[in-house]
Each structure stands twice: as C-alpha cells, then as structure tokens.
C-alpha atoms as a PDB file:
ATOM      1  CA  MET A   1     -72.503  -8.328  62.536  1.00  0.00           C
ATOM      2  CA  SER A   2     -69.868  -7.058  60.184  1.00  0.00           C
ATOM      3  CA  GLY A   3     -70.406  -3.973  58.092  1.00  0.00           C
ATOM      4  CA  GLU A   4     -69.599  -6.054  55.045  1.00  0.00           C
ATOM      5  CA  ALA A   5     -72.447  -8.515  55.761  1.00  0.00           C
ATOM      6  CA  ALA A   6     -74.869  -5.628  56.253  1.00  0.00           C
ATOM      7  CA  ASP A   7     -73.735  -4.097  52.957  1.00  0.00           C
ATOM      8  CA  GLU A   8     -74.256  -7.465  51.251  1.00  0.00           C
ATOM      9  CA  ALA A   9     -77.796  -7.643  52.659  1.00  0.00           C
ATOM     10  CA  LEU A  10     -78.529  -4.166  51.363  1.00  0.00           C
ATOM     11  CA  ASP A  11     -77.105  -5.052  47.938  1.00  0.00           C
ATOM     12  CA  CYS A  12     -79.264  -8.185  47.861  1.00  0.00           C
ATOM     13  CA  ALA A  13     -82.354  -6.120  48.733  1.00  0.00           C
ATOM     14  CA  LEU A  14     -81.514  -3.554  46.055  1.00  0.00           C
ATOM     15  CA  ARG A  15     -81.212  -6.288  43.442  1.00  0.00           C
ATOM     16  CA  ALA A  16     -84.680  -7.550  44.446  1.00  0.00           C
ATOM     17  CA  LEU A  17     -86.056  -4.043  43.965  1.00  0.00           C
ATOM     18  CA  GLU A  18     -84.618  -3.801  40.445  1.00  0.00           C
ATOM     19  CA  HIS A  19     -87.451  -5.949  39.113  1.00  0.00           C
ATOM     20  CA  ARG A  20     -90.438  -4.460  40.933  1.00  0.00           C
ATOM     21  CA  ASP A  21     -91.521  -2.490  43.969  1.00  0.00           C
ATOM     22  CA  ARG A  22     -91.771  -4.638  47.092  1.00  0.00           C
ATOM     23  CA  THR A  23     -93.105  -4.286  50.623  1.00  0.00           C
ATOM     24  CA  GLN A  24     -91.016  -4.445  53.773  1.00  0.00           C
ATOM     25  CA  LEU A  25     -92.305  -7.950  54.425  1.00  0.00           C
ATOM     26  CA  GLU A  26     -91.355  -9.124  50.941  1.00  0.00           C
ATOM     27  CA  ILE A  27     -87.837  -7.724  51.292  1.00  0.00           C
ATOM     28  CA  ASP A  28     -87.501  -9.238  54.763  1.00  0.00           C
ATOM     29  CA  ARG A  29     -88.586 -12.655  53.434  1.00  0.00           C
ATOM     30  CA  HIS A  30     -86.226 -12.322  50.482  1.00  0.00           C
ATOM     31  CA  LEU A  31     -83.248 -11.574  52.715  1.00  0.00           C
ATOM     32  CA  ARG A  32     -84.036 -14.265  55.247  1.00  0.00           C
ATOM     33  CA  ALA A  33     -84.387 -16.841  52.496  1.00  0.00           C
ATOM     34  CA  ARG A  34     -80.831 -15.984  51.528  1.00  0.00           C
ATOM     35  CA  GLY A  35     -79.545 -16.501  55.054  1.00  0.00           C
ATOM     36  CA  TYR A  36     -79.190 -12.973  56.373  1.00  0.00           C
ATOM     37  CA  SER A  37     -79.529 -12.450  60.137  1.00  0.00           C
ATOM     38  CA  ASP A  38     -82.233 -10.447  61.918  1.00  0.00           C
ATOM     39  CA  ALA A  39     -79.829  -7.573  62.454  1.00  0.00           C
ATOM     40  CA  GLU A  40     -78.687  -7.536  58.825  1.00  0.00           C
ATOM     41  CA  CYS A  41     -82.274  -7.578  57.594  1.00  0.00           C
ATOM     42  CA  ALA A  42     -83.301  -4.834  59.973  1.00  0.00           C
ATOM     43  CA  ARG A  43     -80.362  -2.631  58.956  1.00  0.00           C
ATOM     44  CA  ALA A  44     -81.041  -3.114  55.231  1.00  0.00           C
ATOM     45  CA  LEU A  45     -84.764  -2.387  55.669  1.00  0.00           C
ATOM     46  CA  ALA A  46     -84.066   0.708  57.722  1.00  0.00           C
ATOM     47  CA  ALA A  47     -81.789   2.048  54.960  1.00  0.00           C
ATOM     48  CA  LEU A  48     -84.392   1.287  52.300  1.00  0.00           C
ATOM     49  CA  ARG A  49     -87.193   3.005  54.262  1.00  0.00           C
ATOM     50  CA  ARG A  50     -84.977   6.004  55.050  1.00  0.00           C
ATOM     51  CA  THR A  51     -84.179   6.508  51.351  1.00  0.00           C
ATOM     52  CA  GLY A  52     -87.786   5.903  50.254  1.00  0.00           C
ATOM     53  CA  LEU A  53     -86.940   2.825  48.185  1.00  0.00           C
ATOM     54  CA  VAL A  54     -89.352   0.753  50.287  1.00  0.00           C
ATOM     55  CA  ASP A  55     -92.680   2.402  51.082  1.00  0.00           C
ATOM     56  CA  ASP A  56     -95.625   0.128  51.839  1.00  0.00           C
ATOM     57  CA  GLU A  57     -98.203   2.879  51.309  1.00  0.00           C
ATOM     58  CA  ARG A  58     -96.833   3.661  47.848  1.00  0.00           C
ATOM     59  CA  PHE A  59     -96.668  -0.044  47.066  1.00  0.00           C
ATOM     60  CA  ALA A  60    -100.331  -0.465  48.140  1.00  0.00           C
ATOM     61  CA  ARG A  61    -101.579   2.363  45.929  1.00  0.00           C
ATOM     62  CA  SER A  62     -99.579   1.215  42.933  1.00  0.00           C
ATOM     63  CA  ARG A  63    -100.433  -2.462  43.285  1.00  0.00           C
ATOM     64  CA  ALA A  64    -104.121  -1.721  43.883  1.00  0.00           C
ATOM     65  CA  ALA A  65    -104.291   0.394  40.737  1.00  0.00           C
ATOM     66  CA  SER A  66    -102.496  -2.290  38.736  1.00  0.00           C
ATOM     67  CA  LEU A  67    -104.809  -5.058  39.926  1.00  0.00           C
ATOM     68  CA  ALA A  68    -107.940  -2.952  39.384  1.00  0.00           C
ATOM     69  CA  SER A  69    -106.821  -2.080  35.850  1.00  0.00           C
ATOM     70  CA  ARG A  70    -106.612  -5.816  35.142  1.00  0.00           C
ATOM     71  CA  GLY A  71    -110.179  -6.410  36.307  1.00  0.00           C
ATOM     72  CA  ALA A  72    -109.787  -7.209  40.015  1.00  0.00           C
ATOM     73  CA  GLY A  73    -112.563  -6.418  42.457  1.00  0.00           C
ATOM     74  CA  ASP A  74    -111.959  -4.846  45.846  1.00  0.00           C
ATOM     75  CA  ALA A  75    -111.833  -8.162  47.758  1.00  0.00           C
ATOM     76  CA  LEU A  76    -109.151  -9.552  45.462  1.00  0.00           C
ATOM     77  CA  VAL A  77    -107.144  -6.313  45.686  1.00  0.00           C
ATOM     78  CA  ARG A  78    -107.288  -6.421  49.478  1.00  0.00           C
ATOM     79  CA  ALA A  79    -106.286 -10.103  49.541  1.00  0.00           C
ATOM     80  CA  ARG A  80    -103.280  -9.563  47.266  1.00  0.00           C
ATOM     81  CA  LEU A  81    -102.134  -6.581  49.309  1.00  0.00           C
ATOM     82  CA  ALA A  82    -102.456  -8.577  52.530  1.00  0.00           C
ATOM     83  CA  GLU A  83    -100.382 -11.386  50.998  1.00  0.00           C
ATOM     84  CA  ALA A  84     -97.656  -8.836  50.287  1.00  0.00           C
ATOM     85  CA  GLY A  85     -97.684  -7.635  53.897  1.00  0.00           C
ATOM     86  CA  VAL A  86     -99.650  -4.423  53.490  1.00  0.00           C
ATOM     87  CA  THR A  87    -101.596  -3.388  56.612  1.00  0.00           C
ATOM     88  CA  LYS A  88    -105.395  -3.377  56.485  1.00  0.00           C
ATOM     89  CA  GLU A  89    -105.366   0.387  56.914  1.00  0.00           C
ATOM     90  CA  ASP A  90    -103.013   0.934  53.980  1.00  0.00           C
ATOM     91  CA  ALA A  91    -105.018  -1.512  51.859  1.00  0.00           C
ATOM     92  CA  ASP A  92    -108.278   0.254  52.708  1.00  0.00           C
ATOM     93  CA  GLU A  93    -106.762   3.607  51.783  1.00  0.00           C
ATOM     94  CA  ALA A  94    -105.428   2.225  48.503  1.00  0.00           C
ATOM     95  CA  VAL A  95    -108.793   0.696  47.562  1.00  0.00           C
ATOM     96  CA  ALA A  96    -110.509   4.000  48.411  1.00  0.00           C
ATOM     97  CA  THR A  97    -108.431   5.709  45.685  1.00  0.00           C
ATOM     98  CA  LEU A  98    -109.667   3.348  42.985  1.00  0.00           C
ATOM     99  CA  GLU A  99    -112.487   3.897  40.543  1.00  0.00           C
ATOM    100  CA  SER A 100    -115.641   2.442  42.080  1.00  0.00           C
ATOM    101  CA  GLU A 101    -116.012  -1.312  42.000  1.00  0.00           C
ATOM    102  CA  ALA A 102    -119.438  -0.942  40.331  1.00  0.00           C
ATOM    103  CA  ILE A 103    -117.997   1.033  37.422  1.00  0.00           C
ATOM    104  CA  ARG A 104    -115.212  -1.514  36.931  1.00  0.00           C
ATOM    105  CA  ALA A 105    -117.730  -4.395  37.005  1.00  0.00           C
ATOM    106  CA  ARG A 106    -120.027  -2.670  34.503  1.00  0.00           C
ATOM    107  CA  ARG A 107    -117.078  -2.201  32.154  1.00  0.00           C
ATOM    108  CA  ILE A 108    -116.347  -5.937  32.314  1.00  0.00           C
ATOM    109  CA  VAL A 109    -120.010  -6.791  31.722  1.00  0.00           C
ATOM    110  CA  ALA A 110    -120.056  -4.449  28.714  1.00  0.00           C
ATOM    111  CA  THR A 111    -117.133  -6.365  27.237  1.00  0.00           C
ATOM    112  CA  ARG A 112    -118.093  -9.895  28.184  1.00  0.00           C
ATOM    113  CA  GLY A 113    -121.888  -9.664  28.121  1.00  0.00           C
ATOM    114  CA  ALA A 114    -124.501 -10.072  30.842  1.00  0.00           C
ATOM    115  CA  SER A 115    -124.447 -13.816  31.477  1.00  0.00           C
ATOM    116  CA  ALA A 116    -124.023 -16.376  34.219  1.00  0.00           C
ATOM    117  CA  LYS A 117    -120.503 -16.961  32.949  1.00  0.00           C
ATOM    118  CA  THR A 118    -119.663 -13.278  33.418  1.00  0.00           C
ATOM    119  CA  MET A 119    -121.148 -13.378  36.899  1.00  0.00           C
ATOM    120  CA  ARG A 120    -118.889 -16.319  37.816  1.00  0.00           C
ATOM    121  CA  TYR A 121    -115.954 -14.447  36.329  1.00  0.00           C
ATOM    122  CA  LEU A 122    -116.682 -11.356  38.410  1.00  0.00           C
ATOM    123  CA  TYR A 123    -117.081 -13.374  41.598  1.00  0.00           C
ATOM    124  CA  GLY A 124    -113.764 -15.041  40.856  1.00  0.00           C
ATOM    125  CA  LYS A 125    -112.162 -11.638  40.423  1.00  0.00           C
ATOM    126  CA  GLY A 126    -113.243 -10.533  43.900  1.00  0.00           C
ATOM    127  CA  PHE A 127    -116.261  -8.380  43.150  1.00  0.00           C
ATOM    128  CA  SER A 128    -118.963  -8.176  45.796  1.00  0.00           C
ATOM    129  CA  GLU A 129    -122.306  -9.929  45.291  1.00  0.00           C
ATOM    130  CA  ASP A 130    -124.235  -6.650  45.200  1.00  0.00           C
ATOM    131  CA  VAL A 131    -121.925  -5.160  42.591  1.00  0.00           C
ATOM    132  CA  VAL A 132    -122.029  -8.287  40.396  1.00  0.00           C
ATOM    133  CA  SER A 133    -125.817  -8.506  40.559  1.00  0.00           C
ATOM    134  CA  GLY A 134    -126.212  -4.832  39.769  1.00  0.00           C
ATOM    135  CA  ALA A 135    -123.721  -4.807  36.905  1.00  0.00           C
ATOM    136  CA  VAL A 136    -125.181  -7.893  35.247  1.00  0.00           C
ATOM    137  CA  ALA A 137    -128.752  -6.639  35.714  1.00  0.00           C
ATOM    138  CA  ASP A 138    -127.774  -3.266  34.197  1.00  0.00           C
ATOM    139  CA  GLY A 139    -126.107  -5.072  31.309  1.00  0.00           C
ATOM    140  CA  ALA A 140    -129.108  -7.315  30.717  1.00  0.00           C
ATOM    141  CA  ASP A 141    -131.392  -4.261  30.690  1.00  0.00           C
ATOM    142  CA  GLY A 142    -129.218  -2.551  28.142  1.00  0.00           C
ATOM    143  CA  GLY A 143    -128.121   0.043  30.670  1.00  0.00           C
ATOM    144  CA  LEU A 144    -124.540  -0.097  29.576  1.00  0.00           C
ATOM    145  CA  GLY A 145    -124.724   1.493  26.211  1.00  0.00           C
END
C-alpha cells in the first residue's frame, strides 16, 4: 500500500463527511465502493476516529434526535441507526436521551387528531402499540389540551 493511496482514501472519506456525519460502517462502505483496499480503508478510518471526525456514539445521538424531531418512534429510530451500522448499545443509549415516545406521540395526535388514520401513521413511524393506543385515547378524551 502506498502512502499516496492511503492519502487518497482519507481524502475520499473527508469529502463524504463534508455533506453529513457518517458512521464507521458508512465510511467503510463508501471507500470500498470506490475501490480502496482493506488496508487503505482501515488506515483512513483509524485517522478519522483518532481525530474525532468519525464517532458512532455522537452520530447515534445526533441522528436519533433528528429522527425523533421529525416524528419517528423509538423502533424506527433504532432501525435507522442499525442500518447505519450503529451498535445496539449505542442505539439504546441514544434513544434513552430522547424525549419520551409517549410525549412525542401525543404531540402528533394533538396536531393530526385522534383517529384511525393517525394511529396508522404512528405505527408507520415506529411507535409502540401501547404508546399509540394511549396517545390516541388521551386525544379522543380531550386530554391533550
């Protein structure tokens, strides 16, 4: 492996990080798709971790907060984090930092109304059955206002 090839891999990874934060797995996939060797990928990732430019825990917290702010339930947040290569432990810790799923669901019910359509929406957004039932029941009882 030449130093030049390793530098090119690092430059490629840095360009990928210009657009958004990424996990180690995402960077590894990005580099491999562009033909970099195992050693070049490993060297670039090591440099990115050492400098703090790639941090899966930070990514998990940030991505979880972003998804939750856009109406995602805990199951959807966990699924998206897993797709990005975040460990179950890091995903669980990130979800634990979020506002409760019940509060997020109630906010959506307050906006959309307590209906079967809202229930389907919440299920589709990864909210648990108990949370959906409770939020819609509270909304139907007028408990939201």
